[in-house]
PDB file of N, CA and C in Angstrom:
ATOM      1  N   MET A   1     118.924 102.704 105.069  1.00  0.00           N
ATOM      2  CA  MET A   1     118.030 103.477 104.507  1.00  0.00           C
ATOM      3  C   MET A   1     117.414 102.186 104.942  1.00  0.00           C
ATOM      4  N   TRP A   2     116.217 102.958 105.411  1.00  0.00           N
ATOM      5  CA  TRP A   2     114.803 102.943 106.154  1.00  0.00           C
ATOM      6  C   TRP A   2     113.923 103.887 105.321  1.00  0.00           C
ATOM      7  N   ILE A   3     112.516 102.886 104.863  1.00  0.00           N
ATOM      8  CA  ILE A   3     111.564 103.400 104.828  1.00  0.00           C
ATOM      9  C   ILE A   3     110.158 103.006 104.796  1.00  0.00           C
ATOM     10  N   GLY A   4     110.071 103.590 105.804  1.00  0.00           N
ATOM     11  CA  GLY A   4     107.985 103.574 106.371  1.00  0.00           C
ATOM     12  C   GLY A   4     107.061 104.572 105.845  1.00  0.00           C
ATOM     13  N   TRP A   5     105.958 103.756 105.881  1.00  0.00           N
ATOM     14  CA  TRP A   5     104.443 104.941 105.378  1.00  0.00           C
ATOM     15  C   TRP A   5     103.352 104.448 105.736  1.00  0.00           C
ATOM     16  N   ILE A   6     102.435 105.132 106.264  1.00  0.00           N
ATOM     17  CA  ILE A   6     101.749 105.038 106.638  1.00  0.00           C
ATOM     18  C   ILE A   6      99.707 105.184 105.673  1.00  0.00           C
ATOM     19  N   GLU A   7      98.614 104.467 106.075  1.00  0.00           N
ATOM     20  CA  GLU A   7      97.694 105.055 104.528  1.00  0.00           C
ATOM     21  C   GLU A   7      96.641 105.365 106.665  1.00  0.00           C
ATOM     22  N   PHE A   8      96.046 106.292 105.941  1.00  0.00           N
ATOM     23  CA  PHE A   8      95.149 106.386 107.721  1.00  0.00           C
ATOM     24  C   PHE A   8      93.419 106.767 106.062  1.00  0.00           C
ATOM     25  N   ASP A   9      92.728 105.180 106.453  1.00  0.00           N
ATOM     26  CA  ASP A   9      91.428 105.792 105.736  1.00  0.00           C
ATOM     27  C   ASP A   9      90.835 106.303 107.195  1.00  0.00           C
ATOM     28  N   LEU A  10      89.870 107.847 106.944  1.00  0.00           N
ATOM     29  CA  LEU A  10      89.348 108.662 107.471  1.00  0.00           C
ATOM     30  C   LEU A  10      87.683 108.460 106.877  1.00  0.00           C
ATOM     31  N   LEU A  11      87.055 108.829 107.924  1.00  0.00           N
ATOM     32  CA  LEU A  11      85.825 109.075 107.902  1.00  0.00           C
ATOM     33  C   LEU A  11      85.497 110.536 108.502  1.00  0.00           C
ATOM     34  N   LEU A  12      84.754 111.508 106.991  1.00  0.00           N
ATOM     35  CA  LEU A  12      84.864 113.348 107.587  1.00  0.00           C
ATOM     36  C   LEU A  12      83.679 113.157 108.751  1.00  0.00           C
ATOM     37  N   GLY A  13      83.589 113.991 109.500  1.00  0.00           N
ATOM     38  CA  GLY A  13      82.570 114.883 110.346  1.00  0.00           C
ATOM     39  C   GLY A  13      80.948 115.206 109.302  1.00  0.00           C
ATOM     40  N   ASP A  14      81.156 116.292 109.970  1.00  0.00           N
ATOM     41  CA  ASP A  14      79.736 117.018 109.023  1.00  0.00           C
ATOM     42  C   ASP A  14      80.504 117.785 107.927  1.00  0.00           C
ATOM     43  N   VAL A  15      80.669 117.462 107.062  1.00  0.00           N
ATOM     44  CA  VAL A  15      80.751 117.488 105.761  1.00  0.00           C
ATOM     45  C   VAL A  15      79.788 116.733 104.231  1.00  0.00           C
ATOM     46  N   HIS A  16      79.569 118.254 103.389  1.00  0.00           N
ATOM     47  CA  HIS A  16      78.383 118.066 102.632  1.00  0.00           C
ATOM     48  C   HIS A  16      79.087 118.630 101.269  1.00  0.00           C
ATOM     49  N   SER A  17      80.238 118.488 100.805  1.00  0.00           N
ATOM     50  CA  SER A  17      80.948 119.464  99.205  1.00  0.00           C
ATOM     51  C   SER A  17      82.383 118.756 100.391  1.00  0.00           C
ATOM     52  N   LEU A  18      83.171 118.782  98.674  1.00  0.00           N
ATOM     53  CA  LEU A  18      84.804 118.427  98.347  1.00  0.00           C
ATOM     54  C   LEU A  18      85.294 119.628  98.235  1.00  0.00           C
ATOM     55  N   LYS A  19      84.199 120.491  98.900  1.00  0.00           N
ATOM     56  CA  LYS A  19      85.150 122.162  99.336  1.00  0.00           C
ATOM     57  C   LYS A  19      85.255 121.932 100.789  1.00  0.00           C
ATOM     58  N   GLU A  20      84.159 121.718 101.227  1.00  0.00           N
ATOM     59  CA  GLU A  20      84.574 121.435 102.582  1.00  0.00           C
ATOM     60  C   GLU A  20      85.442 120.524 103.021  1.00  0.00           C
ATOM     61  N   LYS A  21      85.152 119.252 102.721  1.00  0.00           N
ATOM     62  CA  LYS A  21      86.278 118.376 102.921  1.00  0.00           C
ATOM     63  C   LYS A  21      87.917 118.877 102.188  1.00  0.00           C
ATOM     64  N   ARG A  22      88.364 119.637 102.050  1.00  0.00           N
ATOM     65  CA  ARG A  22      90.052 120.385 101.315  1.00  0.00           C
ATOM     66  C   ARG A  22      89.871 120.864 102.953  1.00  0.00           C
ATOM     67  N   SER A  23      88.590 121.963 102.933  1.00  0.00           N
ATOM     68  CA  SER A  23      89.064 122.668 104.165  1.00  0.00           C
ATOM     69  C   SER A  23      89.515 121.574 105.331  1.00  0.00           C
ATOM     70  N   VAL A  24      88.695 120.664 105.929  1.00  0.00           N
ATOM     71  CA  VAL A  24      89.273 119.830 106.362  1.00  0.00           C
ATOM     72  C   VAL A  24      90.703 119.371 106.240  1.00  0.00           C
ATOM     73  N   ILE A  25      90.977 118.281 105.054  1.00  0.00           N
ATOM     74  CA  ILE A  25      91.818 117.598 105.014  1.00  0.00           C
ATOM     75  C   ILE A  25      93.193 118.347 104.863  1.00  0.00           C
ATOM     76  N   ARG A  26      93.536 119.722 104.390  1.00  0.00           N
ATOM     77  CA  ARG A  26      94.504 120.634 104.015  1.00  0.00           C
ATOM     78  C   ARG A  26      95.113 121.279 105.103  1.00  0.00           C
ATOM     79  N   PRO A  27      94.447 121.436 106.724  1.00  0.00           N
ATOM     80  CA  PRO A  27      95.215 121.773 108.098  1.00  0.00           C
ATOM     81  C   PRO A  27      95.548 120.323 108.553  1.00  0.00           C
ATOM     82  N   ILE A  28      94.646 119.476 108.641  1.00  0.00           N
ATOM     83  CA  ILE A  28      95.905 118.201 108.749  1.00  0.00           C
ATOM     84  C   ILE A  28      96.554 117.183 108.517  1.00  0.00           C
ATOM     85  N   VAL A  29      96.849 117.493 107.312  1.00  0.00           N
ATOM     86  CA  VAL A  29      97.825 117.199 106.054  1.00  0.00           C
ATOM     87  C   VAL A  29      99.264 118.174 106.520  1.00  0.00           C
ATOM     88  N   ALA A  30      98.832 119.573 106.540  1.00  0.00           N
ATOM     89  CA  ALA A  30      99.613 120.539 106.934  1.00  0.00           C
ATOM     90  C   ALA A  30     100.514 120.056 107.900  1.00  0.00           C
ATOM     91  N   GLU A  31      99.980 120.094 109.244  1.00  0.00           N
ATOM     92  CA  GLU A  31     100.334 119.510 110.591  1.00  0.00           C
ATOM     93  C   GLU A  31     100.933 118.210 110.923  1.00  0.00           C
ATOM     94  N   LEU A  32     100.239 117.312 109.911  1.00  0.00           N
ATOM     95  CA  LEU A  32     101.123 115.891 109.783  1.00  0.00           C
ATOM     96  C   LEU A  32     102.437 116.204 109.121  1.00  0.00           C
ATOM     97  N   SER A  33     102.646 117.100 107.714  1.00  0.00           N
ATOM     98  CA  SER A  33     103.922 117.474 107.547  1.00  0.00           C
ATOM     99  C   SER A  33     105.074 118.356 108.708  1.00  0.00           C
ATOM    100  N   ARG A  34     104.051 118.979 109.229  1.00  0.00           N
ATOM    101  CA  ARG A  34     104.821 119.831 110.017  1.00  0.00           C
ATOM    102  C   ARG A  34     106.073 118.740 112.025  1.00  0.00           C
ATOM    103  N   ARG A  35     104.884 118.797 111.748  1.00  0.00           N
ATOM    104  CA  ARG A  35     104.794 117.863 113.547  1.00  0.00           C
ATOM    105  C   ARG A  35     105.533 116.286 113.241  1.00  0.00           C
ATOM    106  N   THR A  36     105.629 115.700 111.832  1.00  0.00           N
ATOM    107  CA  THR A  36     106.327 114.799 112.562  1.00  0.00           C
ATOM    108  C   THR A  36     107.733 114.618 111.381  1.00  0.00           C
ATOM    109  N   GLU A  37     107.522 115.838 110.910  1.00  0.00           N
ATOM    110  CA  GLU A  37     108.305 115.811 109.470  1.00  0.00           C
ATOM    111  C   GLU A  37     109.164 114.977 108.785  1.00  0.00           C
ATOM    112  N   ALA A  38     108.046 114.545 108.156  1.00  0.00           N
ATOM    113  CA  ALA A  38     107.560 113.182 106.754  1.00  0.00           C
ATOM    114  C   ALA A  38     106.931 113.985 105.942  1.00  0.00           C
ATOM    115  N   ALA A  39     106.626 113.449 104.906  1.00  0.00           N
ATOM    116  CA  ALA A  39     105.598 113.899 103.832  1.00  0.00           C
ATOM    117  C   ALA A  39     104.497 113.343 103.807  1.00  0.00           C
ATOM    118  N   ALA A  40     104.001 114.356 103.872  1.00  0.00           N
ATOM    119  CA  ALA A  40     102.246 113.571 103.756  1.00  0.00           C
ATOM    120  C   ALA A  40     101.489 114.026 102.461  1.00  0.00           C
ATOM    121  N   ALA A  41     100.579 113.508 102.328  1.00  0.00           N
ATOM    122  CA  ALA A  41      99.455 114.073 101.445  1.00  0.00           C
ATOM    123  C   ALA A  41      97.851 113.042 101.330  1.00  0.00           C
ATOM    124  N   GLU A  42      96.830 113.925 100.502  1.00  0.00           N
ATOM    125  CA  GLU A  42      95.704 113.071 100.711  1.00  0.00           C
ATOM    126  C   GLU A  42      96.041 112.136  99.204  1.00  0.00           C
ATOM    127  N   VAL A  43      95.617 110.433 100.139  1.00  0.00           N
ATOM    128  CA  VAL A  43      96.000 110.195  98.308  1.00  0.00           C
ATOM    129  C   VAL A  43      95.117 109.204  98.249  1.00  0.00           C
ATOM    130  N   GLY A  44      94.072 109.168  98.754  1.00  0.00           N
ATOM    131  CA  GLY A  44      93.297 108.846  97.571  1.00  0.00           C
ATOM    132  C   GLY A  44      91.332 109.161  98.455  1.00  0.00           C
ATOM    133  N   ALA A  45      90.783 108.640  97.360  1.00  0.00           N
ATOM    134  CA  ALA A  45      89.342 109.010  97.845  1.00  0.00           C
ATOM    135  C   ALA A  45      87.963 110.403  97.272  1.00  0.00           C
ATOM    136  N   HIS A  46      89.448 110.428  96.652  1.00  0.00           N
ATOM    137  CA  HIS A  46      89.408 112.267  96.338  1.00  0.00           C
ATOM    138  C   HIS A  46      87.817 112.978  95.877  1.00  0.00           C
ATOM    139  N   ASP A  47      87.371 111.732  95.159  1.00  0.00           N
ATOM    140  CA  ASP A  47      86.135 111.949  94.588  1.00  0.00           C
ATOM    141  C   ASP A  47      85.089 111.857  95.531  1.00  0.00           C
ATOM    142  N   LEU A  48      85.430 111.130  96.614  1.00  0.00           N
ATOM    143  CA  LEU A  48      84.330 111.437  97.594  1.00  0.00           C
ATOM    144  C   LEU A  48      84.429 112.505  99.081  1.00  0.00           C
ATOM    145  N   HIS A  49      82.984 112.744  99.017  1.00  0.00           N
ATOM    146  CA  HIS A  49      83.305 113.947 100.449  1.00  0.00           C
ATOM    147  C   HIS A  49      83.097 114.046 101.767  1.00  0.00           C
ATOM    148  N   ARG A  50      82.985 112.721 102.007  1.00  0.00           N
ATOM    149  CA  ARG A  50      82.495 112.283 103.728  1.00  0.00           C
ATOM    150  C   ARG A  50      83.900 111.548 103.591  1.00  0.00           C
ATOM    151  N   ARG A  51      85.305 111.143 102.722  1.00  0.00           N
ATOM    152  CA  ARG A  51      85.651 110.208 103.064  1.00  0.00           C
ATOM    153  C   ARG A  51      87.496 110.265 103.114  1.00  0.00           C
ATOM    154  N   ALA A  52      88.655 109.753 103.225  1.00  0.00           N
ATOM    155  CA  ALA A  52      89.646 110.584 102.848  1.00  0.00           C
ATOM    156  C   ALA A  52      91.101 109.523 103.107  1.00  0.00           C
ATOM    157  N   SER A  53      91.633 109.195 102.415  1.00  0.00           N
ATOM    158  CA  SER A  53      93.136 108.613 102.904  1.00  0.00           C
ATOM    159  C   SER A  53      94.339 109.415 102.492  1.00  0.00           C
ATOM    160  N   ILE A  54      94.690 109.636 103.534  1.00  0.00           N
ATOM    161  CA  ILE A  54      95.980 110.366 103.972  1.00  0.00           C
ATOM    162  C   ILE A  54      97.291 109.610 104.007  1.00  0.00           C
ATOM    163  N   GLY A  55      98.366 109.587 103.472  1.00  0.00           N
ATOM    164  CA  GLY A  55      99.536 109.136 103.475  1.00  0.00           C
ATOM    165  C   GLY A  55     100.595 109.648 104.058  1.00  0.00           C
ATOM    166  N   VAL A  56     101.424 109.796 105.254  1.00  0.00           N
ATOM    167  CA  VAL A  56     102.581 109.508 105.237  1.00  0.00           C
ATOM    168  C   VAL A  56     103.518 108.269 104.912  1.00  0.00           C
ATOM    169  N   SER A  57     105.082 109.267 105.029  1.00  0.00           N
ATOM    170  CA  SER A  57     106.334 108.571 104.197  1.00  0.00           C
ATOM    171  C   SER A  57     107.349 109.581 104.871  1.00  0.00           C
ATOM    172  N   VAL A  58     108.431 108.600 105.547  1.00  0.00           N
ATOM    173  CA  VAL A  58     110.052 108.657 106.167  1.00  0.00           C
ATOM    174  C   VAL A  58     110.272 108.049 105.288  1.00  0.00           C
ATOM    175  N   VAL A  59     111.825 107.915 105.405  1.00  0.00           N
ATOM    176  CA  VAL A  59     113.236 107.885 105.049  1.00  0.00           C
ATOM    177  C   VAL A  59     113.955 107.884 106.636  1.00  0.00           C
ATOM    178  N   GLY A  60     114.155 106.628 107.121  1.00  0.00           N
ATOM    179  CA  GLY A  60     115.659 107.164 108.241  1.00  0.00           C
ATOM    180  C   GLY A  60     117.165 106.241 108.085  1.00  0.00           C
ATOM    181  N   THR A  61     117.312 105.992 108.706  1.00  0.00           N
ATOM    182  CA  THR A  61     119.068 105.568 109.160  1.00  0.00           C
ATOM    183  C   THR A  61     118.097 104.714 109.760  1.00  0.00           C
ATOM    184  N   SER A  62     117.340 103.995 110.700  1.00  0.00           N
ATOM    185  CA  SER A  62     117.456 102.813 111.317  1.00  0.00           C
ATOM    186  C   SER A  62     115.443 102.991 111.602  1.00  0.00           C
ATOM    187  N   PRO A  63     115.373 101.082 111.793  1.00  0.00           N
ATOM    188  CA  PRO A  63     114.049 101.390 111.327  1.00  0.00           C
ATOM    189  C   PRO A  63     113.050 101.569 113.220  1.00  0.00           C
ATOM    190  N   SER A  64     113.870 101.175 113.867  1.00  0.00           N
ATOM    191  CA  SER A  64     113.499 102.781 114.853  1.00  0.00           C
ATOM    192  C   SER A  64     112.997 103.861 114.894  1.00  0.00           C
ATOM    193  N   HIS A  65     113.409 104.457 114.682  1.00  0.00           N
ATOM    194  CA  HIS A  65     113.316 106.116 114.031  1.00  0.00           C
ATOM    195  C   HIS A  65     111.885 106.271 113.165  1.00  0.00           C
ATOM    196  N   VAL A  66     111.892 105.578 112.226  1.00  0.00           N
ATOM    197  CA  VAL A  66     111.032 105.494 111.022  1.00  0.00           C
ATOM    198  C   VAL A  66     109.881 104.980 111.821  1.00  0.00           C
ATOM    199  N   ARG A  67     109.422 104.884 112.438  1.00  0.00           N
ATOM    200  CA  ARG A  67     108.344 103.500 114.190  1.00  0.00           C
ATOM    201  C   ARG A  67     107.828 104.442 114.564  1.00  0.00           C
ATOM    202  N   ASP A  68     109.013 105.042 114.581  1.00  0.00           N
ATOM    203  CA  ASP A  68     108.284 106.372 115.955  1.00  0.00           C
ATOM    204  C   ASP A  68     107.340 107.244 114.891  1.00  0.00           C
ATOM    205  N   VAL A  69     108.171 107.517 114.325  1.00  0.00           N
ATOM    206  CA  VAL A  69     107.898 108.561 113.209  1.00  0.00           C
ATOM    207  C   VAL A  69     105.632 108.368 113.003  1.00  0.00           C
ATOM    208  N   LEU A  70     106.399 107.253 112.416  1.00  0.00           N
ATOM    209  CA  LEU A  70     105.078 106.835 111.999  1.00  0.00           C
ATOM    210  C   LEU A  70     104.228 106.619 113.390  1.00  0.00           C
ATOM    211  N   ASP A  71     104.739 106.098 114.225  1.00  0.00           N
ATOM    212  CA  ASP A  71     104.074 106.296 115.321  1.00  0.00           C
ATOM    213  C   ASP A  71     103.131 107.348 115.554  1.00  0.00           C
ATOM    214  N   GLY A  72     103.942 108.476 116.348  1.00  0.00           N
ATOM    215  CA  GLY A  72     103.181 109.667 116.083  1.00  0.00           C
ATOM    216  C   GLY A  72     102.450 110.107 115.586  1.00  0.00           C
ATOM    217  N   ALA A  73     102.090 110.404 113.518  1.00  0.00           N
ATOM    218  CA  ALA A  73     101.561 110.111 112.806  1.00  0.00           C
ATOM    219  C   ALA A  73     100.556 109.816 112.641  1.00  0.00           C
ATOM    220  N   GLU A  74     100.515 108.893 113.504  1.00  0.00           N
ATOM    221  CA  GLU A  74      99.561 107.856 113.898  1.00  0.00           C
ATOM    222  C   GLU A  74      97.866 108.248 114.696  1.00  0.00           C
ATOM    223  N   ARG A  75      99.451 108.728 116.457  1.00  0.00           N
ATOM    224  CA  ARG A  75      98.737 109.737 117.758  1.00  0.00           C
ATOM    225  C   ARG A  75      97.894 110.722 117.023  1.00  0.00           C
ATOM    226  N   LEU A  76      98.459 111.432 116.075  1.00  0.00           N
ATOM    227  CA  LEU A  76      98.018 112.829 115.970  1.00  0.00           C
ATOM    228  C   LEU A  76      96.812 113.135 115.095  1.00  0.00           C
ATOM    229  N   MET A  77      96.496 111.611 114.447  1.00  0.00           N
ATOM    230  CA  MET A  77      95.113 111.872 113.228  1.00  0.00           C
ATOM    231  C   MET A  77      94.121 110.852 114.279  1.00  0.00           C
ATOM    232  N   ALA A  78      94.825 110.104 115.126  1.00  0.00           N
ATOM    233  CA  ALA A  78      93.452 109.934 116.226  1.00  0.00           C
ATOM    234  C   ALA A  78      93.068 110.962 117.544  1.00  0.00           C
ATOM    235  N   GLU A  79      94.094 111.556 117.016  1.00  0.00           N
ATOM    236  CA  GLU A  79      93.023 112.936 118.381  1.00  0.00           C
ATOM    237  C   GLU A  79      92.827 114.032 117.769  1.00  0.00           C
ATOM    238  N   ARG A  80      92.377 113.614 115.679  1.00  0.00           N
ATOM    239  CA  ARG A  80      91.682 114.949 115.487  1.00  0.00           C
ATOM    240  C   ARG A  80      89.977 115.010 115.826  1.00  0.00           C
ATOM    241  N   PRO A  81      89.020 115.758 116.185  1.00  0.00           N
ATOM    242  CA  PRO A  81      87.598 114.946 116.955  1.00  0.00           C
ATOM    243  C   PRO A  81      87.027 115.794 115.215  1.00  0.00           C
ATOM    244  N   GLU A  82      87.321 116.352 114.370  1.00  0.00           N
ATOM    245  CA  GLU A  82      86.877 116.134 113.064  1.00  0.00           C
ATOM    246  C   GLU A  82      86.798 115.178 112.277  1.00  0.00           C
ATOM    247  N   VAL A  83      87.779 114.096 112.535  1.00  0.00           N
ATOM    248  CA  VAL A  83      87.586 112.790 111.626  1.00  0.00           C
ATOM    249  C   VAL A  83      87.577 112.044 112.610  1.00  0.00           C
ATOM    250  N   THR A  84      87.009 110.480 111.907  1.00  0.00           N
ATOM    251  CA  THR A  84      86.835 109.487 112.662  1.00  0.00           C
ATOM    252  C   THR A  84      88.511 108.152 111.919  1.00  0.00           C
ATOM    253  N   LEU A  85      89.476 108.211 112.250  1.00  0.00           N
ATOM    254  CA  LEU A  85      90.102 106.689 112.380  1.00  0.00           C
ATOM    255  C   LEU A  85      89.146 105.990 112.006  1.00  0.00           C
ATOM    256  N   LEU A  86      88.815 105.400 110.524  1.00  0.00           N
ATOM    257  CA  LEU A  86      88.488 103.926 110.401  1.00  0.00           C
ATOM    258  C   LEU A  86      89.813 102.789 110.566  1.00  0.00           C
ATOM    259  N   SER A  87      90.661 103.194 109.944  1.00  0.00           N
ATOM    260  CA  SER A  87      91.955 102.352 109.310  1.00  0.00           C
ATOM    261  C   SER A  87      93.785 102.571 109.324  1.00  0.00           C
ATOM    262  N   ALA A  88      94.615 102.237 109.855  1.00  0.00           N
ATOM    263  CA  ALA A  88      95.561 102.229 109.501  1.00  0.00           C
ATOM    264  C   ALA A  88      96.593 101.332 108.522  1.00  0.00           C
ATOM    265  N   HIS A  89      97.283 101.776 107.584  1.00  0.00           N
ATOM    266  CA  HIS A  89      97.456 100.364 107.293  1.00  0.00           C
ATOM    267  C   HIS A  89      98.915 101.230 106.751  1.00  0.00           C
ATOM    268  N   ARG A  90     100.431 100.215 107.055  1.00  0.00           N
ATOM    269  CA  ARG A  90     101.629 100.634 107.477  1.00  0.00           C
ATOM    270  C   ARG A  90     102.432  99.656 107.179  1.00  0.00           C
ATOM    271  N   GLY A  91     103.764 100.019 106.485  1.00  0.00           N
ATOM    272  CA  GLY A  91     104.837  99.147 106.164  1.00  0.00           C
ATOM    273  C   GLY A  91     106.056  99.728 106.412  1.00  0.00           C
ATOM    274  N   LEU A  92     106.943  99.057 105.839  1.00  0.00           N
ATOM    275  CA  LEU A  92     108.858  99.385 106.951  1.00  0.00           C
ATOM    276  C   LEU A  92     109.920  98.507 105.908  1.00  0.00           C
ATOM    277  N   ALA A  93     110.140  99.190 105.078  1.00  0.00           N
ATOM    278  CA  ALA A  93     111.375  98.533 104.007  1.00  0.00           C
ATOM    279  C   ALA A  93     112.296  99.244 103.963  1.00  0.00           C
ATOM    280  N   SER A  94     113.552  97.966 103.801  1.00  0.00           N
ATOM    281  CA  SER A  94     115.243  98.793 104.024  1.00  0.00           C
ATOM    282  C   SER A  94     115.551  98.388 102.334  1.00  0.00           C
ATOM    283  N   SER A  95     116.096  99.383 101.839  1.00  0.00           N
ATOM    284  CA  SER A  95     116.947  99.831 101.052  1.00  0.00           C
ATOM    285  C   SER A  95     117.353  98.528 100.630  1.00  0.00           C
ATOM    286  N   GLU A  96     118.565  97.671 101.676  1.00  0.00           N
ATOM    287  CA  GLU A  96     118.745  96.634 100.712  1.00  0.00           C
ATOM    288  C   GLU A  96     117.315  94.980 100.292  1.00  0.00           C
ATOM    289  N   ASP A  97     116.143  95.379 100.982  1.00  0.00           N
ATOM    290  CA  ASP A  97     115.742  94.134 100.240  1.00  0.00           C
ATOM    291  C   ASP A  97     115.406  93.764  99.212  1.00  0.00           C
TER     292      ASP A  97
END
């Protein structure tokens, strides 16, 4: 079994409150979950209205499949016009490690 994760550090555009932040982040998390069939959630920077940290994780039988899913998630984030992708940190581990 292979476990992969990626964490995105995002800068949000014209957002002035935590309520506006939620209205931007929720659809992104939903789209990541739907299009990659992986688990996605806001995982950090909860109290900052112009920054967000979103994590995506996936479990698969081969490392290539896990990498493909994470690559797809990163492409989706890079294509979002309402956010700036500052960085993406990823990891890959085997259950036998």
